[in-house]
Amino acid sequence: MSPLASPLPVVLDTNVVLDLYVFEDPALRVLHTALEAGTLVAWAEDATLAELGFVLASRHFLPGRNMEGRKTALERYRASVKLLPPDASGPALELPRCKDRDDQKFLLLAARAGAAWLVSKDKRVLSMADRRELPFVILTPRQAVARLGAQALVAAT
């Protein structure tokens, strides 16, 4: 296995961002470290940031957690991503449709940003992982962590 090109462009779905920046899931520490170190570059756009903001602002999301902590998580994520301008053009190709229309924006962002990976926990997005016509790989967070670990092993040898 050859080392990953650095920095590797990725797109993270909302649930992955929540695991990284709100819940600080220790199983994803390698992924968070790679983002901080610049090994991975996460891409976002207005629509994906709006979805994250909506979830964090919802009174149903972690009702016992103070709003200031939620705002801080959003600010930390916003500060760590590259924002794709609305007029940015990506490859001119027809992407397959996700069964959940709300998740189509992540597929489009990954294609437009030239992402190598779309990291998702969504079952409907993950069900598309075997689609050959996608110009990126769809991975679970744990698969992304495993690939980063394999890269570190290759780099160390």
N, C-alpha and C. Protein backbone atom coordinates (compact mmCIF):
# COMPACT_ATOMS: atom_id res chain seq x y z
N MET A 1 0.85 -1.18 0.00
CA MET A 1 0.00 0.00 0.00
C MET A 1 0.89 1.24 0.00
N SER A 2 0.64 2.16 -0.91
CA SER A 2 1.43 3.37 -0.96
C SER A 2 0.87 4.40 0.01
N PRO A 3 1.72 5.30 0.52
CA PRO A 3 1.25 6.32 1.44
C PRO A 3 0.22 7.23 0.78
N LEU A 4 -0.67 7.76 1.58
CA LEU A 4 -1.68 8.69 1.07
C LEU A 4 -1.05 10.00 0.70
N ALA A 5 -1.57 10.61 -0.36
CA ALA A 5 -1.10 11.94 -0.73
C ALA A 5 -1.49 12.88 0.41
N SER A 6 -0.63 13.82 0.71
CA SER A 6 -0.91 14.71 1.82
C SER A 6 -0.95 16.13 1.32
N PRO A 7 -1.87 16.93 1.70
CA PRO A 7 -3.04 16.60 2.50
C PRO A 7 -4.13 15.94 1.64
N LEU A 8 -4.80 15.01 2.24
CA LEU A 8 -5.85 14.26 1.55
C LEU A 8 -7.18 14.97 1.76
N PRO A 9 -7.87 15.36 0.68
CA PRO A 9 -9.16 16.04 0.83
C PRO A 9 -10.28 15.06 1.18
N VAL A 10 -11.07 15.42 2.19
CA VAL A 10 -12.16 14.58 2.65
C VAL A 10 -13.40 15.42 2.92
N VAL A 11 -14.54 14.73 2.96
CA VAL A 11 -15.80 15.33 3.39
C VAL A 11 -16.31 14.47 4.54
N LEU A 12 -16.74 15.12 5.60
CA LEU A 12 -17.27 14.45 6.78
C LEU A 12 -18.76 14.74 6.88
N ASP A 13 -19.57 13.70 7.08
CA ASP A 13 -20.99 13.98 7.25
C ASP A 13 -21.25 14.52 8.65
N THR A 14 -22.44 15.00 8.89
CA THR A 14 -22.77 15.67 10.14
C THR A 14 -22.54 14.79 11.36
N ASN A 15 -22.93 13.52 11.29
CA ASN A 15 -22.74 12.65 12.45
C ASN A 15 -21.27 12.41 12.77
N VAL A 16 -20.42 12.37 11.78
CA VAL A 16 -18.98 12.22 12.01
C VAL A 16 -18.45 13.48 12.68
N VAL A 17 -18.88 14.64 12.20
CA VAL A 17 -18.45 15.90 12.81
C VAL A 17 -18.88 15.94 14.28
N LEU A 18 -20.10 15.51 14.56
CA LEU A 18 -20.57 15.49 15.94
C LEU A 18 -19.70 14.57 16.79
N ASP A 19 -19.35 13.40 16.26
CA ASP A 19 -18.48 12.48 17.00
C ASP A 19 -17.12 13.09 17.29
N LEU A 20 -16.61 13.85 16.34
CA LEU A 20 -15.28 14.45 16.49
C LEU A 20 -15.28 15.68 17.39
N TYR A 21 -16.25 16.57 17.20
CA TYR A 21 -16.18 17.89 17.83
C TYR A 21 -17.12 18.08 19.02
N VAL A 22 -18.12 17.23 19.16
CA VAL A 22 -19.03 17.33 20.31
C VAL A 22 -18.75 16.20 21.29
N PHE A 23 -18.80 14.96 20.80
CA PHE A 23 -18.64 13.81 21.67
C PHE A 23 -17.18 13.43 21.89
N GLU A 24 -16.30 13.94 21.02
CA GLU A 24 -14.86 13.67 21.11
C GLU A 24 -14.59 12.17 21.30
N ASP A 25 -15.18 11.39 20.41
CA ASP A 25 -15.08 9.93 20.44
C ASP A 25 -13.61 9.50 20.40
N PRO A 26 -13.14 8.83 21.45
CA PRO A 26 -11.73 8.41 21.47
C PRO A 26 -11.36 7.45 20.34
N ALA A 27 -12.34 6.70 19.83
CA ALA A 27 -12.06 5.78 18.72
C ALA A 27 -11.69 6.53 17.45
N LEU A 28 -12.05 7.82 17.39
CA LEU A 28 -11.77 8.62 16.20
C LEU A 28 -10.63 9.61 16.42
N ARG A 29 -9.89 9.46 17.49
CA ARG A 29 -8.79 10.39 17.81
C ARG A 29 -7.79 10.49 16.66
N VAL A 30 -7.49 9.36 16.01
CA VAL A 30 -6.55 9.37 14.89
C VAL A 30 -7.08 10.27 13.77
N LEU A 31 -8.37 10.20 13.52
CA LEU A 31 -8.98 11.03 12.48
C LEU A 31 -8.88 12.51 12.87
N HIS A 32 -9.19 12.82 14.11
CA HIS A 32 -9.11 14.20 14.59
C HIS A 32 -7.67 14.72 14.53
N THR A 33 -6.73 13.89 14.93
CA THR A 33 -5.31 14.28 14.88
C THR A 33 -4.87 14.55 13.44
N ALA A 34 -5.31 13.72 12.51
CA ALA A 34 -4.95 13.91 11.10
C ALA A 34 -5.52 15.23 10.57
N LEU A 35 -6.71 15.59 11.01
CA LEU A 35 -7.28 16.88 10.60
C LEU A 35 -6.47 18.03 11.18
N GLU A 36 -6.14 17.93 12.45
CA GLU A 36 -5.36 18.99 13.11
C GLU A 36 -3.97 19.13 12.51
N ALA A 37 -3.36 18.00 12.14
CA ALA A 37 -2.00 18.01 11.59
C ALA A 37 -1.96 18.41 10.12
N GLY A 38 -3.12 18.44 9.47
CA GLY A 38 -3.15 18.79 8.06
C GLY A 38 -2.92 17.61 7.14
N THR A 39 -2.86 16.40 7.68
CA THR A 39 -2.76 15.21 6.84
C THR A 39 -4.04 15.03 6.04
N LEU A 40 -5.16 15.38 6.68
CA LEU A 40 -6.47 15.41 6.03
C LEU A 40 -6.94 16.85 5.99
N VAL A 41 -7.61 17.22 4.92
CA VAL A 41 -8.26 18.52 4.82
C VAL A 41 -9.74 18.27 4.59
N ALA A 42 -10.54 18.71 5.55
CA ALA A 42 -11.99 18.53 5.43
C ALA A 42 -12.60 19.70 4.67
N TRP A 43 -13.51 19.38 3.77
CA TRP A 43 -14.22 20.38 2.99
C TRP A 43 -15.67 20.47 3.48
N ALA A 44 -16.19 21.68 3.47
CA ALA A 44 -17.59 21.93 3.81
C ALA A 44 -18.12 22.98 2.85
N GLU A 45 -19.41 23.18 2.90
CA GLU A 45 -20.04 24.26 2.13
C GLU A 45 -21.21 24.77 2.96
N ASP A 46 -21.82 25.82 2.50
CA ASP A 46 -22.89 26.45 3.27
C ASP A 46 -23.97 25.45 3.69
N ALA A 47 -24.39 24.57 2.79
CA ALA A 47 -25.48 23.64 3.09
C ALA A 47 -25.09 22.63 4.17
N THR A 48 -23.85 22.14 4.14
CA THR A 48 -23.45 21.16 5.15
C THR A 48 -23.24 21.84 6.50
N LEU A 49 -22.73 23.06 6.48
CA LEU A 49 -22.58 23.81 7.74
C LEU A 49 -23.94 24.18 8.32
N ALA A 50 -24.89 24.49 7.44
CA ALA A 50 -26.24 24.84 7.90
C ALA A 50 -26.89 23.62 8.58
N GLU A 51 -26.70 22.44 8.02
CA GLU A 51 -27.26 21.24 8.63
C GLU A 51 -26.65 21.02 10.01
N LEU A 52 -25.34 21.16 10.12
CA LEU A 52 -24.67 21.00 11.40
C LEU A 52 -25.18 22.03 12.41
N GLY A 53 -25.30 23.28 11.98
CA GLY A 53 -25.81 24.33 12.86
C GLY A 53 -27.22 24.04 13.31
N PHE A 54 -28.05 23.52 12.42
CA PHE A 54 -29.43 23.19 12.75
C PHE A 54 -29.47 22.10 13.83
N VAL A 55 -28.66 21.06 13.64
CA VAL A 55 -28.63 19.96 14.62
C VAL A 55 -28.16 20.48 15.97
N LEU A 56 -27.09 21.25 15.97
CA LEU A 56 -26.54 21.75 17.23
C LEU A 56 -27.50 22.71 17.94
N ALA A 57 -28.31 23.43 17.18
CA ALA A 57 -29.24 24.39 17.78
C ALA A 57 -30.54 23.75 18.23
N SER A 58 -30.78 22.52 17.80
CA SER A 58 -32.05 21.85 18.12
C SER A 58 -32.18 21.61 19.61
N ARG A 59 -33.35 21.88 20.14
CA ARG A 59 -33.57 21.66 21.57
C ARG A 59 -33.64 20.16 21.88
N HIS A 60 -33.76 19.34 20.85
CA HIS A 60 -33.82 17.90 21.04
C HIS A 60 -32.43 17.26 21.07
N PHE A 61 -31.42 18.00 20.63
CA PHE A 61 -30.06 17.47 20.60
C PHE A 61 -29.38 17.77 21.93
N LEU A 62 -29.03 16.75 22.64
CA LEU A 62 -28.36 16.88 23.94
C LEU A 62 -29.02 17.95 24.81
N PRO A 63 -30.27 17.74 25.20
CA PRO A 63 -30.99 18.78 25.93
C PRO A 63 -30.31 19.27 27.20
N GLY A 64 -29.47 18.44 27.82
CA GLY A 64 -28.80 18.88 29.04
C GLY A 64 -27.51 19.64 28.79
N ARG A 65 -27.06 19.69 27.55
CA ARG A 65 -25.78 20.35 27.25
C ARG A 65 -26.01 21.82 26.95
N ASN A 66 -25.18 22.67 27.51
CA ASN A 66 -25.41 24.10 27.32
C ASN A 66 -25.16 24.53 25.88
N MET A 67 -25.85 25.55 25.49
CA MET A 67 -25.78 26.04 24.11
C MET A 67 -24.39 26.58 23.78
N GLU A 68 -23.72 27.15 24.76
CA GLU A 68 -22.39 27.70 24.51
C GLU A 68 -21.42 26.60 24.06
N GLY A 69 -21.51 25.42 24.66
CA GLY A 69 -20.66 24.31 24.26
C GLY A 69 -20.95 23.87 22.83
N ARG A 70 -22.21 23.93 22.45
CA ARG A 70 -22.59 23.57 21.08
C ARG A 70 -22.02 24.58 20.09
N LYS A 71 -22.13 25.87 20.44
CA LYS A 71 -21.59 26.92 19.56
C LYS A 71 -20.08 26.77 19.41
N THR A 72 -19.42 26.43 20.51
CA THR A 72 -17.98 26.24 20.47
C THR A 72 -17.61 25.09 19.53
N ALA A 73 -18.36 24.01 19.58
CA ALA A 73 -18.10 22.87 18.68
C ALA A 73 -18.24 23.30 17.23
N LEU A 74 -19.29 24.06 16.93
CA LEU A 74 -19.49 24.54 15.56
C LEU A 74 -18.35 25.46 15.14
N GLU A 75 -17.94 26.35 16.01
CA GLU A 75 -16.84 27.27 15.68
C GLU A 75 -15.53 26.53 15.46
N ARG A 76 -15.26 25.52 16.30
CA ARG A 76 -14.03 24.73 16.14
C ARG A 76 -14.03 24.01 14.79
N TYR A 77 -15.17 23.45 14.42
CA TYR A 77 -15.25 22.76 13.14
C TYR A 77 -15.10 23.74 11.99
N ARG A 78 -15.82 24.84 12.05
CA ARG A 78 -15.73 25.85 10.98
C ARG A 78 -14.31 26.33 10.78
N ALA A 79 -13.57 26.48 11.88
CA ALA A 79 -12.19 26.96 11.81
C ALA A 79 -11.25 25.91 11.22
N SER A 80 -11.66 24.65 11.23
CA SER A 80 -10.76 23.60 10.76
C SER A 80 -11.03 23.13 9.34
N VAL A 81 -12.11 23.61 8.72
CA VAL A 81 -12.46 23.13 7.38
C VAL A 81 -12.16 24.19 6.32
N LYS A 82 -12.07 23.72 5.10
CA LYS A 82 -12.01 24.63 3.95
C LYS A 82 -13.43 24.75 3.43
N LEU A 83 -13.82 25.97 3.17
CA LEU A 83 -15.17 26.22 2.68
C LEU A 83 -15.16 26.30 1.16
N LEU A 84 -15.94 25.45 0.53
CA LEU A 84 -16.04 25.45 -0.92
C LEU A 84 -16.98 26.56 -1.33
N PRO A 85 -16.52 27.49 -2.17
CA PRO A 85 -17.40 28.58 -2.60
C PRO A 85 -18.58 28.03 -3.40
N PRO A 86 -19.73 28.70 -3.31
CA PRO A 86 -20.92 28.24 -4.03
C PRO A 86 -20.72 28.13 -5.54
N ASP A 87 -19.83 28.94 -6.09
CA ASP A 87 -19.63 28.94 -7.54
C ASP A 87 -18.50 28.01 -7.98
N ALA A 88 -17.92 27.25 -7.04
CA ALA A 88 -16.83 26.33 -7.40
C ALA A 88 -17.38 25.23 -8.29
N SER A 89 -16.65 24.91 -9.31
CA SER A 89 -17.11 23.84 -10.20
C SER A 89 -16.26 22.61 -9.96
N GLY A 90 -16.89 21.48 -9.97
CA GLY A 90 -16.21 20.20 -9.82
C GLY A 90 -16.33 19.44 -11.11
N PRO A 91 -16.03 18.16 -11.04
CA PRO A 91 -16.13 17.36 -12.26
C PRO A 91 -17.56 17.33 -12.77
N ALA A 92 -17.68 17.39 -14.08
CA ALA A 92 -19.01 17.36 -14.70
C ALA A 92 -19.42 15.91 -14.89
N LEU A 93 -20.04 15.35 -13.86
CA LEU A 93 -20.51 13.98 -13.98
C LEU A 93 -21.80 13.81 -13.22
N GLU A 94 -22.55 12.83 -13.65
CA GLU A 94 -23.82 12.52 -13.00
C GLU A 94 -23.52 11.59 -11.83
N LEU A 95 -23.90 12.02 -10.66
CA LEU A 95 -23.72 11.17 -9.49
C LEU A 95 -24.97 10.35 -9.26
N PRO A 96 -24.80 9.15 -8.74
CA PRO A 96 -25.99 8.37 -8.39
C PRO A 96 -26.74 9.09 -7.28
N ARG A 97 -28.01 8.84 -7.21
CA ARG A 97 -28.86 9.48 -6.19
C ARG A 97 -28.86 8.67 -4.91
N CYS A 98 -28.68 9.36 -3.82
CA CYS A 98 -28.79 8.74 -2.51
C CYS A 98 -30.28 8.59 -2.19
N LYS A 99 -30.64 7.50 -1.53
CA LYS A 99 -32.05 7.28 -1.18
C LYS A 99 -32.56 8.36 -0.23
N ASP A 100 -31.67 8.95 0.54
CA ASP A 100 -32.04 10.04 1.43
C ASP A 100 -31.59 11.34 0.77
N ARG A 101 -32.55 12.09 0.24
CA ARG A 101 -32.21 13.32 -0.50
C ARG A 101 -31.42 14.30 0.34
N ASP A 102 -31.61 14.29 1.65
CA ASP A 102 -30.86 15.21 2.51
C ASP A 102 -29.36 14.91 2.51
N ASP A 103 -28.98 13.69 2.16
CA ASP A 103 -27.57 13.32 2.15
C ASP A 103 -26.90 13.52 0.79
N GLN A 104 -27.68 13.85 -0.23
CA GLN A 104 -27.13 14.06 -1.56
C GLN A 104 -26.10 15.20 -1.54
N LYS A 105 -26.31 16.18 -0.66
CA LYS A 105 -25.39 17.33 -0.61
C LYS A 105 -23.97 16.89 -0.26
N PHE A 106 -23.82 15.83 0.53
CA PHE A 106 -22.49 15.36 0.89
C PHE A 106 -21.81 14.69 -0.31
N LEU A 107 -22.58 13.96 -1.10
CA LEU A 107 -22.02 13.37 -2.33
C LEU A 107 -21.59 14.45 -3.30
N LEU A 108 -22.45 15.45 -3.49
CA LEU A 108 -22.12 16.54 -4.40
C LEU A 108 -20.91 17.32 -3.93
N LEU A 109 -20.84 17.60 -2.62
CA LEU A 109 -19.69 18.31 -2.08
C LEU A 109 -18.41 17.51 -2.30
N ALA A 110 -18.45 16.22 -2.02
CA ALA A 110 -17.26 15.39 -2.21
C ALA A 110 -16.78 15.43 -3.66
N ALA A 111 -17.72 15.36 -4.60
CA ALA A 111 -17.34 15.41 -6.02
C ALA A 111 -16.81 16.78 -6.39
N ARG A 112 -17.52 17.84 -5.99
CA ARG A 112 -17.10 19.20 -6.35
C ARG A 112 -15.77 19.59 -5.72
N ALA A 113 -15.49 19.11 -4.50
CA ALA A 113 -14.26 19.46 -3.80
C ALA A 113 -13.09 18.57 -4.22
N GLY A 114 -13.36 17.55 -5.00
CA GLY A 114 -12.29 16.62 -5.39
C GLY A 114 -11.83 15.77 -4.21
N ALA A 115 -12.76 15.46 -3.31
CA ALA A 115 -12.42 14.67 -2.12
C ALA A 115 -12.03 13.25 -2.51
N ALA A 116 -11.11 12.71 -1.75
CA ALA A 116 -10.73 11.31 -1.93
C ALA A 116 -11.67 10.41 -1.14
N TRP A 117 -12.13 10.92 0.03
CA TRP A 117 -13.00 10.16 0.90
C TRP A 117 -14.22 10.97 1.28
N LEU A 118 -15.35 10.28 1.39
CA LEU A 118 -16.55 10.80 2.06
C LEU A 118 -16.71 9.89 3.27
N VAL A 119 -16.53 10.45 4.46
CA VAL A 119 -16.60 9.67 5.69
C VAL A 119 -17.99 9.87 6.29
N SER A 120 -18.70 8.77 6.45
CA SER A 120 -20.10 8.85 6.85
C SER A 120 -20.47 7.71 7.78
N LYS A 121 -21.50 7.97 8.58
CA LYS A 121 -22.10 6.93 9.42
C LYS A 121 -23.50 6.59 8.93
N ASP A 122 -23.97 7.30 7.93
CA ASP A 122 -25.33 7.15 7.44
C ASP A 122 -25.45 5.87 6.61
N LYS A 123 -26.39 5.00 6.98
CA LYS A 123 -26.55 3.72 6.30
C LYS A 123 -26.87 3.88 4.82
N ARG A 124 -27.64 4.89 4.47
CA ARG A 124 -28.00 5.07 3.06
C ARG A 124 -26.81 5.55 2.24
N VAL A 125 -25.97 6.39 2.83
CA VAL A 125 -24.74 6.80 2.14
C VAL A 125 -23.79 5.62 2.05
N LEU A 126 -23.61 4.90 3.15
CA LEU A 126 -22.70 3.76 3.15
C LEU A 126 -23.13 2.67 2.18
N SER A 127 -24.43 2.56 1.92
CA SER A 127 -24.91 1.55 0.97
C SER A 127 -24.44 1.86 -0.45
N MET A 128 -23.95 3.05 -0.68
CA MET A 128 -23.47 3.44 -2.01
C MET A 128 -21.96 3.24 -2.17
N ALA A 129 -21.31 2.70 -1.15
CA ALA A 129 -19.86 2.58 -1.14
C ALA A 129 -19.30 1.75 -2.30
N ASP A 130 -20.09 0.84 -2.82
CA ASP A 130 -19.59 -0.01 -3.90
C ASP A 130 -19.86 0.56 -5.29
N ARG A 131 -20.40 1.77 -5.36
CA ARG A 131 -20.71 2.38 -6.66
C ARG A 131 -19.43 2.82 -7.35
N ARG A 132 -19.13 2.22 -8.46
CA ARG A 132 -17.88 2.48 -9.19
C ARG A 132 -17.85 3.86 -9.85
N GLU A 133 -19.03 4.43 -10.11
CA GLU A 133 -19.04 5.71 -10.82
C GLU A 133 -18.76 6.90 -9.91
N LEU A 134 -18.59 6.68 -8.62
CA LEU A 134 -18.26 7.77 -7.71
C LEU A 134 -16.77 8.09 -7.80
N PRO A 135 -16.42 9.37 -7.86
CA PRO A 135 -15.00 9.74 -7.97
C PRO A 135 -14.30 9.81 -6.61
N PHE A 136 -14.88 9.24 -5.59
CA PHE A 136 -14.31 9.22 -4.24
C PHE A 136 -14.73 7.91 -3.58
N VAL A 137 -14.11 7.60 -2.47
CA VAL A 137 -14.41 6.40 -1.71
C VAL A 137 -15.29 6.79 -0.53
N ILE A 138 -16.31 5.99 -0.27
CA ILE A 138 -17.15 6.20 0.91
C ILE A 138 -16.68 5.25 2.00
N LEU A 139 -16.36 5.82 3.16
CA LEU A 139 -15.83 5.05 4.28
C LEU A 139 -16.61 5.33 5.56
N THR A 140 -16.64 4.35 6.44
CA THR A 140 -17.11 4.61 7.79
C THR A 140 -15.97 5.32 8.53
N PRO A 141 -16.25 5.95 9.66
CA PRO A 141 -15.16 6.58 10.42
C PRO A 141 -14.08 5.56 10.82
N ARG A 142 -14.49 4.37 11.19
CA ARG A 142 -13.50 3.35 11.59
C ARG A 142 -12.64 2.90 10.41
N GLN A 143 -13.24 2.83 9.21
CA GLN A 143 -12.44 2.50 8.03
C GLN A 143 -11.43 3.61 7.74
N ALA A 144 -11.84 4.86 7.92
CA ALA A 144 -10.92 5.98 7.71
C ALA A 144 -9.78 5.92 8.71
N VAL A 145 -10.10 5.60 9.97
CA VAL A 145 -9.06 5.46 10.99
C VAL A 145 -8.10 4.34 10.62
N ALA A 146 -8.62 3.22 10.14
CA ALA A 146 -7.78 2.09 9.74
C ALA A 146 -6.86 2.48 8.59
N ARG A 147 -7.39 3.21 7.63
CA ARG A 147 -6.54 3.64 6.50
C ARG A 147 -5.45 4.59 6.96
N LEU A 148 -5.79 5.47 7.88
CA LEU A 148 -4.77 6.38 8.43
C LEU A 148 -3.71 5.60 9.20
N GLY A 149 -4.14 4.58 9.93
CA GLY A 149 -3.20 3.73 10.65
C GLY A 149 -2.28 2.98 9.72
N ALA A 150 -2.83 2.47 8.62
CA ALA A 150 -2.01 1.78 7.62
C ALA A 150 -1.02 2.73 6.99
N GLN A 151 -1.44 3.98 6.75
CA GLN A 151 -0.53 4.98 6.19
C GLN A 151 0.63 5.23 7.15
N ALA A 152 0.32 5.33 8.44
CA ALA A 152 1.36 5.59 9.44
C ALA A 152 2.35 4.43 9.49
N LEU A 153 1.86 3.20 9.35
CA LEU A 153 2.76 2.03 9.34
C LEU A 153 3.68 2.06 8.14
N VAL A 154 3.13 2.40 6.98
CA VAL A 154 3.93 2.46 5.76
C VAL A 154 4.98 3.57 5.89
N ALA A 155 4.58 4.71 6.42
CA ALA A 155 5.49 5.84 6.56
C ALA A 155 6.62 5.52 7.56
N ALA A 156 6.33 4.70 8.55
CA ALA A 156 7.31 4.36 9.58
C ALA A 156 8.34 3.35 9.10
N THR A 157 8.02 2.63 8.01
CA THR A 157 8.96 1.60 7.52
C THR A 157 9.86 2.11 6.44
